[in-house]
Amino acid sequence: MNLHIHKSSIVNHQSSIVITRSKSESNRLLLLQALFPQIEISNLSNSDDSQVMQKALNYTSGLIDVHHAGTAMRFLTAYFATQQDSEVILTGSSRMKERPIEVLVTALNSLGADISYLETKGCPPLKILGKELTKDKVTLNANVSSQYISALLLIAPKLKNGLELTLEGNITSVPYINMTLALLNEIGVKTSFIANKIKVSPLTTHNSQLITVESDWSSASYWYSIIALSDIGTEVKLSSYKQNSLQADAALVDIYKNFGVETQFESNAIILKKIGINLKPQTYNLKDSPDIAQTIAVTCFGLGLECKLSGLHTLKIKETDRLLALKTEIEKLGGNVDITDDSLHLEANSLFESDKTQFLEVLIATYNDHRMAMAFAPLALKRNLIIEDAMVVSKSYPSFWDNLKSVGFKIS
C-alpha cells in the first residue's frame, strides 16, 4: 500500500509518543530465553522481526521462513545448530537468499555444527541438523557483520566449555557486541573482551529473572529528523529511554546537537527540542551505528547541508543496497549524491526549499526496506511525498504512521 503524505507541519508541538521497543535487545533476549527458560521479558518489541523470532523458536523441525528478518536468520542459524535432534530448513525472501551468511556458517561448522547450503553456496536457505557442539575455540572475520559475532556469543553460555572467539580485521559495530555481552552479564554469564579476543564462560544454572527491554533508538532517529526539520521551539517527548543505554544508536543525542536538536532526559523519557539552526557541513563515521545513516543523510538533504558519511560497508548487504537506494531516491528529489562501497557524500542543496515542484507528489521507492520508508517520511515537512509499500515499517516500528498522524502529519 502506498501512502500520500501532504506537506505538513507539527501541530501538536508538545506531543508524547511511546516508541516501539528495541528489536535488537528483544531478539537477543528471546534467544537467551529459549536457552534459559527462567528468563522473563517485559516490554518486548512488537516488530515483525521479533514476532518471526518468537514463532521460529517454537519449532524443532521443518521449514522456517524468516522473510526479510536478517537478525533472525543469523541468530536462529546459531541457535538451531545447538539444538540436539532437531532438523530445520531456514529460508527467507528472495533478497534474504542473496544475503551472505558464509562467515557464520563456517564458524559454526568449525565448532562441530552440521549446516549445509540448499541453493547458492554462502547464502540461505540452510539445512541445519542440531547437535552438541563440543569445540570451544573459533576465529572469525570481524569486518562483515557484528550479528555473526553476537549469534555465536548468544549460544556460548550453553556450550559445554563456553567459547573463545578470536576476531580478525577491523571489528564492525562494536556497541552491538557490547550490547550482547551486557545482556549475557545481566543473566549471570562471565565474559571478557580484550583486544581481539572474546571469552564467554558456560552458564550451568540460572534463576528466575525479569528483564525489561528499552525502546528502540533507531526508531527515535526519525523523530530526531522531524524535529531537526521543524521550526525552532518544536518539541516531542519519546519513551521509554535510559541515559546509559546499551544501544549504539543513542549516538543520536550528540549527532543531532549539530542539527539544532537538544535532548533532555526526564524519568524514563527523552524530550527533543529544536533550539537552533546549524548550516555547517556534517561529517560522521557511522561504523558503530550504520542503521541511522539513512536518517542522517535525509536530514542533511532536508536542511540543504553537505554531509560525508563513512563506515557504511554493511549497508550494501541489508534489506536492499541502502547506499544505492539512498542515492537513487535523493537524486529523484533533486539532490546530488556520490557513493563508494562504504561511504556517501551528499552535496549541499540550496534549491530544495525554493524548488517550484515542491507541491508535486514524488514517489519514494522503499525496496522492501523499513528504514527507507521512515527515513524519507520527515521530508513531508518540506514537500508532498508518496511512500511506496508504506507498511514495510512493520518490520521494526508498526505504529510509525499512526504516530506521525498524532502530531499533525497529513497522511492518506
Protein backbone atom coordinates (compact mmCIF):
# COMPACT_ATOMS: atom_id res chain seq x y z
CA MET A 1 0.00 0.00 0.00
CA ASN A 2 1.27 3.46 -0.97
CA LEU A 3 0.73 6.37 1.44
CA HIS A 4 0.37 10.03 0.44
CA ILE A 5 1.99 12.44 2.93
CA HIS A 6 0.99 16.02 2.21
CA LYS A 7 3.28 18.93 3.06
CA SER A 8 2.71 19.19 6.80
CA SER A 9 3.87 20.83 9.96
CA ILE A 10 3.79 19.53 13.50
CA VAL A 11 0.54 20.79 15.06
CA ASN A 12 0.95 19.18 18.46
CA HIS A 13 4.25 20.83 19.45
CA GLN A 14 4.48 19.03 22.79
CA SER A 15 3.34 15.56 21.78
CA SER A 16 4.18 12.44 23.74
CA ILE A 17 4.99 9.29 21.74
CA VAL A 18 5.61 5.75 23.02
CA ILE A 19 8.28 4.33 20.71
CA THR A 20 8.37 0.68 19.72
CA ARG A 21 10.70 -1.42 21.87
CA SER A 22 14.20 -2.31 20.74
CA LYS A 23 14.21 -5.29 18.40
CA SER A 24 17.98 -5.57 18.89
CA GLU A 25 17.53 -6.18 22.62
CA SER A 26 14.31 -8.18 22.15
CA ASN A 27 15.77 -10.64 19.65
CA ARG A 28 18.85 -11.26 21.81
CA LEU A 29 16.69 -11.82 24.88
CA LEU A 30 14.31 -14.13 23.00
CA LEU A 31 17.21 -16.39 22.04
CA LEU A 32 18.58 -16.34 25.59
CA GLN A 33 15.09 -17.12 26.93
CA ALA A 34 14.91 -20.16 24.59
CA LEU A 35 18.22 -21.38 26.07
CA PHE A 36 17.38 -20.39 29.66
CA PRO A 37 13.56 -20.56 30.10
CA GLN A 38 13.72 -18.97 33.57
CA ILE A 39 14.19 -15.58 31.89
CA GLU A 40 11.07 -13.41 31.67
CA ILE A 41 10.95 -10.47 29.24
CA SER A 42 8.99 -7.27 29.81
CA ASN A 43 8.21 -4.64 27.14
CA LEU A 44 9.07 -6.99 24.24
CA SER A 45 9.19 -5.50 20.72
CA ASN A 46 6.07 -5.96 18.57
CA SER A 47 8.12 -5.68 15.36
CA ASP A 48 7.85 -8.23 12.55
CA ASP A 49 11.44 -9.31 13.23
CA SER A 50 10.73 -10.14 16.87
CA GLN A 51 7.49 -11.93 16.00
CA VAL A 52 9.43 -14.03 13.47
CA MET A 53 11.98 -14.88 16.20
CA GLN A 54 9.28 -15.86 18.69
CA LYS A 55 7.47 -18.09 16.21
CA ALA A 56 10.64 -19.77 14.94
CA LEU A 57 11.93 -20.59 18.42
CA ASN A 58 8.88 -22.80 18.97
CA TYR A 59 9.95 -25.09 16.12
CA THR A 60 12.03 -28.25 16.47
CA SER A 61 11.79 -29.39 12.84
CA GLY A 62 10.51 -28.39 9.42
CA LEU A 63 10.69 -25.30 7.23
CA ILE A 64 11.16 -21.90 8.89
CA ASP A 65 10.70 -18.79 6.75
CA VAL A 66 12.13 -15.60 8.30
CA HIS A 67 11.09 -13.44 5.29
CA HIS A 68 13.24 -10.23 5.40
CA ALA A 69 14.46 -10.64 9.01
CA GLY A 70 18.25 -10.68 8.77
CA THR A 71 18.85 -10.65 12.52
CA ALA A 72 16.54 -13.63 12.93
CA MET A 73 18.33 -15.52 10.14
CA ARG A 74 21.73 -15.12 11.82
CA PHE A 75 20.63 -15.73 15.41
CA LEU A 76 18.44 -18.72 14.51
CA THR A 77 21.23 -20.32 12.47
CA ALA A 78 23.38 -20.42 15.60
CA TYR A 79 20.50 -21.47 17.85
CA PHE A 80 19.32 -24.43 15.78
CA ALA A 81 22.90 -25.61 15.29
CA THR A 82 22.98 -26.32 19.05
CA GLN A 83 19.55 -27.98 19.35
CA GLN A 84 20.22 -31.70 19.52
CA ASP A 85 17.94 -33.96 17.45
CA SER A 86 16.32 -31.02 15.63
CA GLU A 87 16.31 -30.72 11.85
CA VAL A 88 15.23 -27.45 10.22
CA ILE A 89 15.45 -25.69 6.91
CA LEU A 90 15.95 -21.95 7.41
CA THR A 91 14.89 -19.79 4.47
CA GLY A 92 13.64 -16.30 3.69
CA SER A 93 12.65 -13.83 0.99
CA SER A 94 14.35 -13.67 -2.41
CA ARG A 95 16.53 -10.84 -1.07
CA MET A 96 17.42 -12.96 2.00
CA LYS A 97 18.63 -15.70 -0.34
CA GLU A 98 21.17 -13.20 -1.70
CA ARG A 99 22.45 -12.03 1.70
CA PRO A 100 25.73 -13.65 2.79
CA ILE A 101 25.92 -15.92 5.82
CA GLU A 102 29.01 -18.00 4.99
CA VAL A 103 31.20 -16.38 7.67
CA LEU A 104 28.79 -17.54 10.40
CA VAL A 105 28.12 -20.99 8.89
CA THR A 106 31.86 -21.68 8.52
CA ALA A 107 32.46 -20.65 12.14
CA LEU A 108 29.64 -22.85 13.44
CA ASN A 109 30.72 -25.85 11.35
CA SER A 110 34.27 -25.45 12.70
CA LEU A 111 32.77 -25.80 16.19
CA GLY A 112 31.16 -29.08 15.12
CA ALA A 113 27.82 -27.95 13.68
CA ASP A 114 26.15 -29.63 10.70
CA ILE A 115 24.91 -26.86 8.40
CA SER A 116 24.68 -27.12 4.61
CA TYR A 117 23.53 -24.86 1.76
CA LEU A 118 20.49 -25.89 -0.26
CA GLU A 119 20.83 -23.41 -3.14
CA THR A 120 23.62 -20.81 -3.51
CA LYS A 121 26.83 -21.52 -1.58
CA GLY A 122 27.28 -18.95 1.16
CA CYS A 123 23.61 -17.88 1.29
CA PRO A 124 20.30 -19.20 2.65
CA PRO A 125 18.36 -21.43 2.56
CA LEU A 126 20.23 -23.59 5.07
CA LYS A 127 19.69 -27.16 6.25
CA ILE A 128 20.61 -27.40 9.93
CA LEU A 129 20.96 -30.68 11.82
CA GLY A 130 21.16 -29.77 15.51
CA LYS A 131 23.82 -31.42 17.66
CA GLU A 132 26.00 -30.85 20.71
CA LEU A 133 28.89 -28.53 19.88
CA THR A 134 31.94 -29.66 21.83
CA LYS A 135 34.69 -27.40 20.48
CA ASP A 136 35.23 -24.07 22.21
CA LYS A 137 37.57 -22.00 20.02
CA VAL A 138 36.82 -20.26 16.74
CA THR A 139 38.28 -17.44 14.61
CA LEU A 140 36.01 -15.09 12.72
CA ASN A 141 36.37 -12.33 10.13
CA ALA A 142 35.02 -9.39 12.14
CA ASN A 143 34.60 -6.68 9.49
CA VAL A 144 31.46 -8.03 7.81
CA SER A 145 28.57 -8.04 10.33
CA SER A 146 28.55 -7.88 14.12
CA GLN A 147 25.44 -10.08 14.06
CA TYR A 148 27.61 -13.08 13.21
CA ILE A 149 29.63 -12.38 16.35
CA SER A 150 26.54 -11.84 18.50
CA ALA A 151 24.96 -15.04 17.20
CA LEU A 152 27.97 -17.03 18.41
CA LEU A 153 28.15 -15.19 21.74
CA LEU A 154 24.47 -15.80 22.50
CA ILE A 155 24.78 -19.60 22.24
CA ALA A 156 28.17 -19.66 24.01
CA PRO A 157 26.84 -19.98 27.62
CA LYS A 158 25.07 -23.22 26.60
CA LEU A 159 28.22 -24.79 25.12
CA LYS A 160 29.88 -27.32 27.42
CA ASN A 161 33.14 -25.37 27.64
CA GLY A 162 31.86 -21.92 26.70
CA LEU A 163 33.57 -20.11 23.81
CA GLU A 164 36.78 -18.29 22.96
CA LEU A 165 36.27 -16.12 19.89
CA THR A 166 39.21 -14.53 18.07
CA LEU A 167 38.31 -11.65 15.76
CA GLU A 168 40.31 -10.88 12.61
CA GLY A 169 40.34 -7.47 10.89
CA ASN A 170 38.58 -4.26 11.87
CA ILE A 171 35.68 -5.04 14.17
CA THR A 172 32.29 -3.77 12.89
CA SER A 173 29.60 -2.25 15.17
CA VAL A 174 31.41 -2.82 18.47
CA PRO A 175 28.50 -1.32 20.52
CA TYR A 176 26.22 -4.13 19.30
CA ILE A 177 28.77 -6.69 20.50
CA ASN A 178 28.92 -4.86 23.82
CA MET A 179 25.10 -4.95 24.00
CA THR A 180 25.18 -8.73 23.61
CA LEU A 181 27.87 -9.09 26.28
CA ALA A 182 25.98 -6.76 28.65
CA LEU A 183 22.83 -8.88 28.33
CA LEU A 184 24.88 -12.03 28.95
CA ASN A 185 26.35 -10.38 32.06
CA GLU A 186 22.84 -9.42 33.18
CA ILE A 187 21.78 -13.08 33.29
CA GLY A 188 24.95 -14.07 35.15
CA VAL A 189 27.33 -15.10 32.35
CA LYS A 190 31.02 -14.24 32.82
CA THR A 191 32.59 -12.62 29.76
CA SER A 192 35.73 -10.77 28.75
CA PHE A 193 36.50 -8.68 25.64
CA ILE A 194 40.20 -7.79 25.46
CA ALA A 195 41.81 -6.61 22.21
CA ASN A 196 40.53 -9.01 19.52
CA LYS A 197 39.57 -11.89 21.81
CA ILE A 198 36.20 -12.52 23.46
CA LYS A 199 35.70 -15.23 26.09
CA VAL A 200 32.32 -16.44 27.33
CA SER A 201 32.02 -18.92 30.19
CA PRO A 202 29.33 -21.62 30.31
CA LEU A 203 26.28 -21.00 32.49
CA THR A 204 25.06 -24.16 34.20
CA THR A 205 22.33 -22.80 36.47
CA HIS A 206 20.04 -19.80 36.10
CA ASN A 207 17.44 -18.43 38.50
CA SER A 208 14.16 -16.79 37.52
CA GLN A 209 14.77 -13.24 36.25
CA LEU A 210 12.76 -10.38 34.71
CA ILE A 211 14.48 -8.19 32.11
CA THR A 212 12.86 -5.05 30.67
CA VAL A 213 13.52 -4.01 27.07
CA GLU A 214 14.32 -0.36 26.36
CA SER A 215 12.62 1.47 23.47
CA ASP A 216 14.44 1.46 20.15
CA TRP A 217 16.91 4.31 19.49
CA SER A 218 16.95 3.56 15.75
CA SER A 219 13.21 4.29 15.70
CA ALA A 220 13.81 7.50 17.65
CA SER A 221 16.09 8.68 14.84
CA TYR A 222 13.10 9.56 12.63
CA TRP A 223 11.80 11.86 15.37
CA TYR A 224 15.20 13.49 15.67
CA SER A 225 14.97 14.14 11.93
CA ILE A 226 11.42 15.53 12.25
CA ILE A 227 12.48 17.95 15.00
CA ALA A 228 15.60 18.98 13.05
CA LEU A 229 13.42 19.85 10.03
CA SER A 230 10.81 21.71 12.16
CA ASP A 231 10.59 25.30 13.40
CA ILE A 232 12.57 26.44 16.43
CA GLY A 233 10.61 25.65 19.60
CA THR A 234 9.05 22.44 18.29
CA GLU A 235 9.42 19.55 20.72
CA VAL A 236 8.32 15.97 21.22
CA LYS A 237 8.53 13.56 24.17
CA LEU A 238 9.55 9.96 23.49
CA SER A 239 9.52 6.99 25.87
CA SER A 240 10.93 4.73 27.23
CA TYR A 241 14.67 5.55 27.22
CA LYS A 242 17.68 5.21 29.51
CA GLN A 243 20.55 7.68 29.67
CA ASN A 244 23.02 4.76 30.00
CA SER A 245 21.59 2.87 27.02
CA LEU A 246 23.13 -0.34 25.64
CA GLN A 247 22.13 0.70 22.11
CA ALA A 248 24.72 2.18 19.73
CA ASP A 249 22.16 4.47 18.12
CA ALA A 250 21.96 6.52 21.31
CA ALA A 251 24.76 8.41 19.50
CA LEU A 252 21.82 10.41 18.09
CA VAL A 253 21.93 12.60 21.22
CA ASP A 254 25.33 14.03 20.27
CA ILE A 255 24.93 13.89 16.48
CA TYR A 256 21.68 15.85 16.39
CA LYS A 257 23.07 18.63 18.56
CA ASN A 258 24.73 19.61 15.28
CA PHE A 259 21.27 19.93 13.70
CA GLY A 260 19.99 22.18 16.50
CA VAL A 261 18.16 19.42 18.41
CA GLU A 262 18.52 19.32 22.20
CA THR A 263 17.86 16.08 24.13
CA GLN A 264 16.65 16.21 27.73
CA PHE A 265 16.37 13.03 29.80
CA GLU A 266 13.35 13.04 32.10
CA SER A 267 12.48 9.96 34.15
CA ASN A 268 12.19 7.17 31.53
CA ALA A 269 11.69 9.53 28.58
CA ILE A 270 13.57 11.94 26.34
CA ILE A 271 12.36 15.37 25.22
CA LEU A 272 13.63 16.52 21.82
CA LYS A 273 13.50 20.26 21.17
CA LYS A 274 14.56 22.38 18.18
CA ILE A 275 16.71 25.14 19.65
CA GLY A 276 18.77 26.42 16.73
CA ILE A 277 19.99 26.14 13.15
CA ASN A 278 23.39 24.87 12.01
CA LEU A 279 24.41 25.31 8.37
CA LYS A 280 27.85 23.71 8.62
CA PRO A 281 28.73 20.61 6.52
CA GLN A 282 28.47 17.40 8.55
CA THR A 283 30.97 14.51 8.62
CA TYR A 284 30.40 11.26 10.52
CA ASN A 285 31.96 7.81 10.72
CA LEU A 286 28.97 5.55 11.41
CA LYS A 287 30.75 2.21 11.63
CA ASP A 288 29.28 1.69 15.12
CA SER A 289 25.74 2.83 14.22
CA PRO A 290 25.09 2.26 10.49
CA ASP A 291 21.31 1.93 10.99
CA ILE A 292 20.97 5.72 11.39
CA ALA A 293 22.89 6.56 8.20
CA GLN A 294 19.74 6.87 6.08
CA THR A 295 18.10 9.18 8.63
CA ILE A 296 21.14 11.46 8.84
CA ALA A 297 21.56 11.65 5.05
CA VAL A 298 17.90 12.60 4.56
CA THR A 299 18.02 15.12 7.42
CA CYS A 300 21.02 16.82 5.79
CA PHE A 301 19.23 16.84 2.44
CA GLY A 302 16.12 18.40 4.00
CA LEU A 303 18.26 21.11 5.63
CA GLY A 304 20.27 21.73 2.45
CA LEU A 305 23.51 20.66 4.17
CA GLU A 306 26.51 18.91 2.72
CA CYS A 307 27.35 15.66 4.52
CA LYS A 308 30.01 12.99 4.30
CA LEU A 309 29.19 9.63 5.89
CA SER A 310 31.68 6.76 6.17
CA GLY A 311 31.90 3.36 7.87
CA LEU A 312 28.91 2.17 5.84
CA HIS A 313 30.24 -1.08 4.33
CA THR A 314 27.46 -3.18 5.90
CA LEU A 315 24.69 -1.17 4.19
CA LYS A 316 25.18 -2.96 0.88
CA ILE A 317 24.07 -6.31 2.39
CA LYS A 318 20.97 -5.10 4.24
CA GLU A 319 17.32 -5.44 3.13
CA THR A 320 18.50 -3.63 0.00
CA ASP A 321 21.74 -1.96 -1.06
CA ARG A 322 21.00 1.04 1.14
CA LEU A 323 23.74 3.22 -0.32
CA LEU A 324 22.43 2.81 -3.86
CA ALA A 325 18.83 3.23 -2.68
CA LEU A 326 19.69 6.49 -0.88
CA LYS A 327 21.48 7.86 -3.95
CA THR A 328 18.56 6.95 -6.24
CA GLU A 329 15.81 8.45 -4.08
CA ILE A 330 17.64 11.63 -3.01
CA GLU A 331 18.59 12.36 -6.63
CA LYS A 332 14.94 11.83 -7.58
CA LEU A 333 14.22 14.81 -5.29
CA GLY A 334 16.94 16.94 -6.85
CA GLY A 335 19.96 16.12 -4.70
CA ASN A 336 23.42 15.07 -5.80
CA VAL A 337 24.96 12.02 -4.11
CA ASP A 338 28.23 10.15 -4.63
CA ILE A 339 28.72 6.71 -3.09
CA THR A 340 31.52 4.18 -2.72
CA ASP A 341 31.40 0.71 -1.13
CA ASP A 342 31.47 2.25 2.34
CA SER A 343 30.71 5.97 2.09
CA LEU A 344 28.19 8.56 0.96
CA HIS A 345 28.78 12.21 0.02
CA LEU A 346 25.73 14.47 -0.28
CA GLU A 347 26.32 17.90 -1.82
CA ALA A 348 24.70 20.97 -0.29
CA ASN A 349 21.37 21.66 -1.97
CA SER A 350 20.08 25.23 -1.73
CA LEU A 351 17.34 24.53 -4.30
CA PHE A 352 15.31 22.25 -2.05
CA GLU A 353 13.17 24.91 -0.34
CA SER A 354 12.62 27.09 -3.40
CA ASP A 355 12.01 24.26 -5.87
CA LYS A 356 8.77 25.08 -7.73
CA THR A 357 7.94 21.37 -7.90
CA GLN A 358 7.77 21.01 -4.11
CA PHE A 359 3.95 20.83 -4.21
CA LEU A 360 4.01 17.92 -6.65
CA GLU A 361 3.98 14.46 -5.12
CA VAL A 362 7.18 12.45 -5.53
CA LEU A 363 7.09 8.66 -5.23
CA ILE A 364 9.75 7.35 -2.84
CA ALA A 365 10.60 3.69 -3.50
CA THR A 366 11.30 1.66 -0.35
CA TYR A 367 12.91 -1.53 -1.73
CA ASN A 368 11.36 -3.79 0.96
CA ASP A 369 13.35 -1.73 3.47
CA HIS A 370 11.59 -0.30 6.53
CA ARG A 371 14.32 2.27 7.09
CA MET A 372 13.92 3.76 3.61
CA ALA A 373 10.23 4.43 4.29
CA MET A 374 10.79 6.01 7.70
CA ALA A 375 13.96 7.96 6.85
CA PHE A 376 12.26 9.81 3.97
CA ALA A 377 8.93 10.47 5.74
CA PRO A 378 10.18 13.59 7.63
CA LEU A 379 10.71 15.32 4.27
CA ALA A 380 6.93 15.74 4.20
CA LEU A 381 7.65 18.78 6.38
CA LYS A 382 9.14 20.26 3.18
CA ARG A 383 7.15 18.78 0.29
CA ASN A 384 4.46 16.29 -0.74
CA LEU A 385 5.51 12.63 -0.90
CA ILE A 386 4.14 9.22 -1.78
CA ILE A 387 5.77 6.42 0.19
CA GLU A 388 5.67 3.16 -1.77
CA ASP A 389 4.83 -0.06 0.13
CA ALA A 390 4.47 2.04 3.28
CA MET A 391 3.54 -0.84 5.60
CA VAL A 392 7.07 -2.21 5.30
CA VAL A 393 7.61 -0.20 8.51
CA SER A 394 6.01 -3.07 10.44
CA LYS A 395 9.39 -4.81 10.30
CA SER A 396 10.59 -2.62 13.16
CA TYR A 397 8.04 0.14 14.00
CA PRO A 398 4.43 -0.92 13.27
CA SER A 399 2.80 2.22 14.77
CA PHE A 400 5.01 4.69 12.85
CA TRP A 401 2.34 6.17 10.57
CA ASP A 402 -0.22 6.42 13.38
CA ASN A 403 2.36 8.24 15.50
CA LEU A 404 3.02 10.72 12.66
CA LYS A 405 -0.71 11.38 12.28
CA SER A 406 -1.00 12.03 16.03
CA VAL A 407 1.36 15.03 15.78
CA GLY A 408 -0.26 16.58 12.71
CA PHE A 409 1.15 14.87 9.60
CA LYS A 410 -1.48 14.70 6.83
CA ILE A 411 -1.46 11.10 5.64
CA SER A 412 -3.93 9.38 3.32
